[in-house]
Structure formats: C-alpha cells, structure tokens
Amino acid sequence: MRKSALAAVTRELLRDAATSTSGRAARTIHGGHGLLLRQTVIALTAGTVMAEHRSPAEASLQMLGGEILLIVGDTQWQLMTGDFLPLPPQVHSVRAVTDATLLLTVGNRSD
C-alpha cells in the first residue's frame, strides 16, 4: 500500500497543465489491472474543456480544488472544492471555470 500526498500531487499537476498545450494533466494514484477501482487526479487550467465523452459504468468526481461545470445535454452541475458527484451514465463534457483539480474514481468491471 502506498500513501499519496494529494496536495503535492495537485500542485505538480497544475504546473504540468499550465505548460501543456491541452491545458490538462493527470496521474493515476491507485488502481489498474486486477483492481476494482482506479483513482486518477486530473488538473485543468481555467477555460480548458474536456470534450464530450462517454461515462464509464460507475464513476464519481470529488473536487480537490477550483471550480468546474459538468455538462450533460442541457443540464449543468457546478462543482467546487469539496463537492462530490456520482457521474451520470450519459455522455458528458467538463469545463474548468477556474484552475481546478479533481479526483476521478472509476469502477473496473470484474466480469
């Protein structure tokens, strides 16, 4: 088992996102092959948009810092530091209102 210092990870990823042409950076801190959960810290610079993409079978977002909009069709959720939201199973997009960091947790299928 390995401990992760989320504050340090978010600072590093925000620096990486600021120098990236995509305006984002990410690091999986737990999970992968053979495990039921995968947890990834994602950093987005203000104004960065993650285009529409399909939601995994089961996933959630926990805001570590900043503010984003999660957009599903005509519905938007404003998420700020400390907020938690199970991801809806529909196609969605994300827009960073401010520099933002979030923890994405995805359930891996075991069958």
C-alpha atoms as a PDB file:
ATOM      1  CA  MET A   1       0.000   0.000   0.000  1.00  0.00           C
ATOM      2  CA  ARG A   2       1.264   3.473  -0.881  1.00  0.00           C
ATOM      3  CA  LYS A   3       0.230   6.809   0.599  1.00  0.00           C
ATOM      4  CA  SER A   4      -0.341   9.747  -1.757  1.00  0.00           C
ATOM      5  CA  ALA A   5       0.069  13.368  -0.701  1.00  0.00           C
ATOM      6  CA  LEU A   6      -2.840  14.814  -2.691  1.00  0.00           C
ATOM      7  CA  ALA A   7      -1.852  18.439  -2.044  1.00  0.00           C
ATOM      8  CA  ALA A   8       1.586  17.828  -3.578  1.00  0.00           C
ATOM      9  CA  VAL A   9       0.139  15.842  -6.495  1.00  0.00           C
ATOM     10  CA  THR A  10      -2.369  18.595  -7.298  1.00  0.00           C
ATOM     11  CA  ARG A  11       0.316  21.323  -7.204  1.00  0.00           C
ATOM     12  CA  GLU A  12       2.549  19.321  -9.537  1.00  0.00           C
ATOM     13  CA  LEU A  13      -0.267  18.504 -11.948  1.00  0.00           C
ATOM     14  CA  LEU A  14      -1.457  22.126 -12.074  1.00  0.00           C
ATOM     15  CA  ARG A  15       2.104  23.170 -13.009  1.00  0.00           C
ATOM     16  CA  ASP A  16       2.147  20.467 -15.706  1.00  0.00           C
ATOM     17  CA  ALA A  17      -1.289  21.520 -17.004  1.00  0.00           C
ATOM     18  CA  ALA A  18      -0.184  25.167 -17.202  1.00  0.00           C
ATOM     19  CA  THR A  19       2.648  24.216 -19.582  1.00  0.00           C
ATOM     20  CA  SER A  20       0.634  21.662 -21.579  1.00  0.00           C
ATOM     21  CA  THR A  21      -0.965  22.638 -24.884  1.00  0.00           C
ATOM     22  CA  SER A  22      -4.114  20.762 -23.796  1.00  0.00           C
ATOM     23  CA  GLY A  23      -4.375  22.670 -20.501  1.00  0.00           C
ATOM     24  CA  ARG A  24      -4.638  19.457 -18.543  1.00  0.00           C
ATOM     25  CA  ALA A  25      -2.571  16.837 -16.760  1.00  0.00           C
ATOM     26  CA  ALA A  26      -3.464  13.624 -14.948  1.00  0.00           C
ATOM     27  CA  ARG A  27      -1.946  10.881 -12.833  1.00  0.00           C
ATOM     28  CA  THR A  28      -3.463   7.595 -11.684  1.00  0.00           C
ATOM     29  CA  ILE A  29      -2.681   7.282  -7.999  1.00  0.00           C
ATOM     30  CA  HIS A  30      -4.373   3.940  -7.391  1.00  0.00           C
ATOM     31  CA  GLY A  31      -5.700   1.067  -9.430  1.00  0.00           C
ATOM     32  CA  GLY A  32      -5.252  -0.554 -12.754  1.00  0.00           C
ATOM     33  CA  HIS A  33      -5.193  -4.151 -13.916  1.00  0.00           C
ATOM     34  CA  GLY A  34      -6.731  -6.595 -11.478  1.00  0.00           C
ATOM     35  CA  LEU A  35      -8.142  -3.982  -9.088  1.00  0.00           C
ATOM     36  CA  LEU A  36     -11.780  -2.962  -8.786  1.00  0.00           C
ATOM     37  CA  LEU A  37     -11.141   0.803  -8.536  1.00  0.00           C
ATOM     38  CA  ARG A  38      -8.987   3.255 -10.446  1.00  0.00           C
ATOM     39  CA  GLN A  39      -8.450   6.709  -8.981  1.00  0.00           C
ATOM     40  CA  THR A  40      -6.935   9.478 -11.063  1.00  0.00           C
ATOM     41  CA  VAL A  41      -6.128  13.064 -10.121  1.00  0.00           C
ATOM     42  CA  ILE A  42      -6.879  15.442 -13.005  1.00  0.00           C
ATOM     43  CA  ALA A  43      -5.764  19.079 -13.239  1.00  0.00           C
ATOM     44  CA  LEU A  44      -7.347  21.561 -15.652  1.00  0.00           C
ATOM     45  CA  THR A  45      -6.405  25.168 -16.280  1.00  0.00           C
ATOM     46  CA  ALA A  46      -9.174  27.789 -16.343  1.00  0.00           C
ATOM     47  CA  GLY A  47     -11.110  27.648 -19.614  1.00  0.00           C
ATOM     48  CA  THR A  48      -9.979  24.119 -20.525  1.00  0.00           C
ATOM     49  CA  VAL A  49     -12.744  21.931 -21.951  1.00  0.00           C
ATOM     50  CA  MET A  50     -12.763  18.164 -21.945  1.00  0.00           C
ATOM     51  CA  ALA A  51     -14.921  17.410 -24.992  1.00  0.00           C
ATOM     52  CA  GLU A  52     -17.934  15.127 -24.768  1.00  0.00           C
ATOM     53  CA  HIS A  53     -17.023  11.593 -23.811  1.00  0.00           C
ATOM     54  CA  ARG A  54     -18.794   8.506 -22.576  1.00  0.00           C
ATOM     55  CA  SER A  55     -19.064   7.846 -18.871  1.00  0.00           C
ATOM     56  CA  PRO A  56     -17.693   4.589 -17.510  1.00  0.00           C
ATOM     57  CA  ALA A  57     -20.208   2.173 -16.000  1.00  0.00           C
ATOM     58  CA  GLU A  58     -19.688   3.545 -12.495  1.00  0.00           C
ATOM     59  CA  ALA A  59     -17.656   6.625 -11.618  1.00  0.00           C
ATOM     60  CA  SER A  60     -17.564   9.681  -9.379  1.00  0.00           C
ATOM     61  CA  LEU A  61     -15.869  13.069  -9.152  1.00  0.00           C
ATOM     62  CA  GLN A  62     -14.547  14.680  -5.979  1.00  0.00           C
ATOM     63  CA  MET A  63     -13.388  18.258  -6.321  1.00  0.00           C
ATOM     64  CA  LEU A  64      -9.991  18.825  -4.713  1.00  0.00           C
ATOM     65  CA  GLY A  65      -9.711  22.477  -5.734  1.00  0.00           C
ATOM     66  CA  GLY A  66     -11.201  25.106  -8.022  1.00  0.00           C
ATOM     67  CA  GLU A  67     -14.450  25.048  -9.982  1.00  0.00           C
ATOM     68  CA  ILE A  68     -15.758  23.123 -12.993  1.00  0.00           C
ATOM     69  CA  LEU A  69     -19.003  22.670 -14.895  1.00  0.00           C
ATOM     70  CA  LEU A  70     -20.053  19.110 -15.679  1.00  0.00           C
ATOM     71  CA  ILE A  71     -22.366  19.269 -18.697  1.00  0.00           C
ATOM     72  CA  VAL A  72     -24.827  16.554 -19.738  1.00  0.00           C
ATOM     73  CA  GLY A  73     -27.038  17.717 -22.588  1.00  0.00           C
ATOM     74  CA  ASP A  74     -28.917  20.794 -21.320  1.00  0.00           C
ATOM     75  CA  THR A  75     -28.083  20.076 -17.658  1.00  0.00           C
ATOM     76  CA  GLN A  76     -25.051  21.521 -15.858  1.00  0.00           C
ATOM     77  CA  TRP A  77     -23.635  20.868 -12.415  1.00  0.00           C
ATOM     78  CA  GLN A  78     -21.361  23.487 -10.883  1.00  0.00           C
ATOM     79  CA  LEU A  79     -18.769  21.696  -8.753  1.00  0.00           C
ATOM     80  CA  MET A  80     -16.425  23.481  -6.370  1.00  0.00           C
ATOM     81  CA  THR A  81     -13.773  22.493  -3.847  1.00  0.00           C
ATOM     82  CA  GLY A  82     -15.109  19.757  -1.578  1.00  0.00           C
ATOM     83  CA  ASP A  83     -18.049  18.763  -3.797  1.00  0.00           C
ATOM     84  CA  PHE A  84     -18.718  15.131  -4.708  1.00  0.00           C
ATOM     85  CA  LEU A  85     -20.885  13.864  -7.556  1.00  0.00           C
ATOM     86  CA  PRO A  86     -21.544  10.378  -8.893  1.00  0.00           C
ATOM     87  CA  LEU A  87     -21.123  10.696 -12.662  1.00  0.00           C
ATOM     88  CA  PRO A  88     -24.316  10.241 -14.640  1.00  0.00           C
ATOM     89  CA  PRO A  89     -24.122   7.358 -17.142  1.00  0.00           C
ATOM     90  CA  GLN A  90     -24.615   9.697 -20.132  1.00  0.00           C
ATOM     91  CA  VAL A  91     -22.170  11.349 -22.490  1.00  0.00           C
ATOM     92  CA  HIS A  92     -20.800  14.464 -20.786  1.00  0.00           C
ATOM     93  CA  SER A  93     -18.201  17.217 -21.046  1.00  0.00           C
ATOM     94  CA  VAL A  94     -16.254  19.222 -18.467  1.00  0.00           C
ATOM     95  CA  ARG A  95     -15.287  22.911 -18.496  1.00  0.00           C
ATOM     96  CA  ALA A  96     -12.891  24.380 -15.955  1.00  0.00           C
ATOM     97  CA  VAL A  97     -14.231  27.712 -14.698  1.00  0.00           C
ATOM     98  CA  THR A  98     -11.017  28.259 -12.686  1.00  0.00           C
ATOM     99  CA  ASP A  99      -7.832  26.244 -12.402  1.00  0.00           C
ATOM    100  CA  ALA A 100      -9.215  23.018 -10.965  1.00  0.00           C
ATOM    101  CA  THR A 101      -8.162  19.636  -9.621  1.00  0.00           C
ATOM    102  CA  LEU A 102     -10.411  16.648  -9.164  1.00  0.00           C
ATOM    103  CA  LEU A 103     -10.276  13.026  -8.163  1.00  0.00           C
ATOM    104  CA  LEU A 104     -11.942  10.713 -10.675  1.00  0.00           C
ATOM    105  CA  THR A 105     -12.849   7.294  -9.280  1.00  0.00           C
ATOM    106  CA  VAL A 106     -13.828   4.624 -11.810  1.00  0.00           C
ATOM    107  CA  GLY A 107     -15.111   1.146 -11.058  1.00  0.00           C
ATOM    108  CA  ASN A 108     -13.448  -1.511 -13.219  1.00  0.00           C
ATOM    109  CA  ARG A 109     -15.627  -4.359 -14.318  1.00  0.00           C
ATOM    110  CA  SER A 110     -14.684  -7.631 -12.659  1.00  0.00           C
ATOM    111  CA  ASP A 111     -16.530  -9.951 -15.047  1.00  0.00           C
END
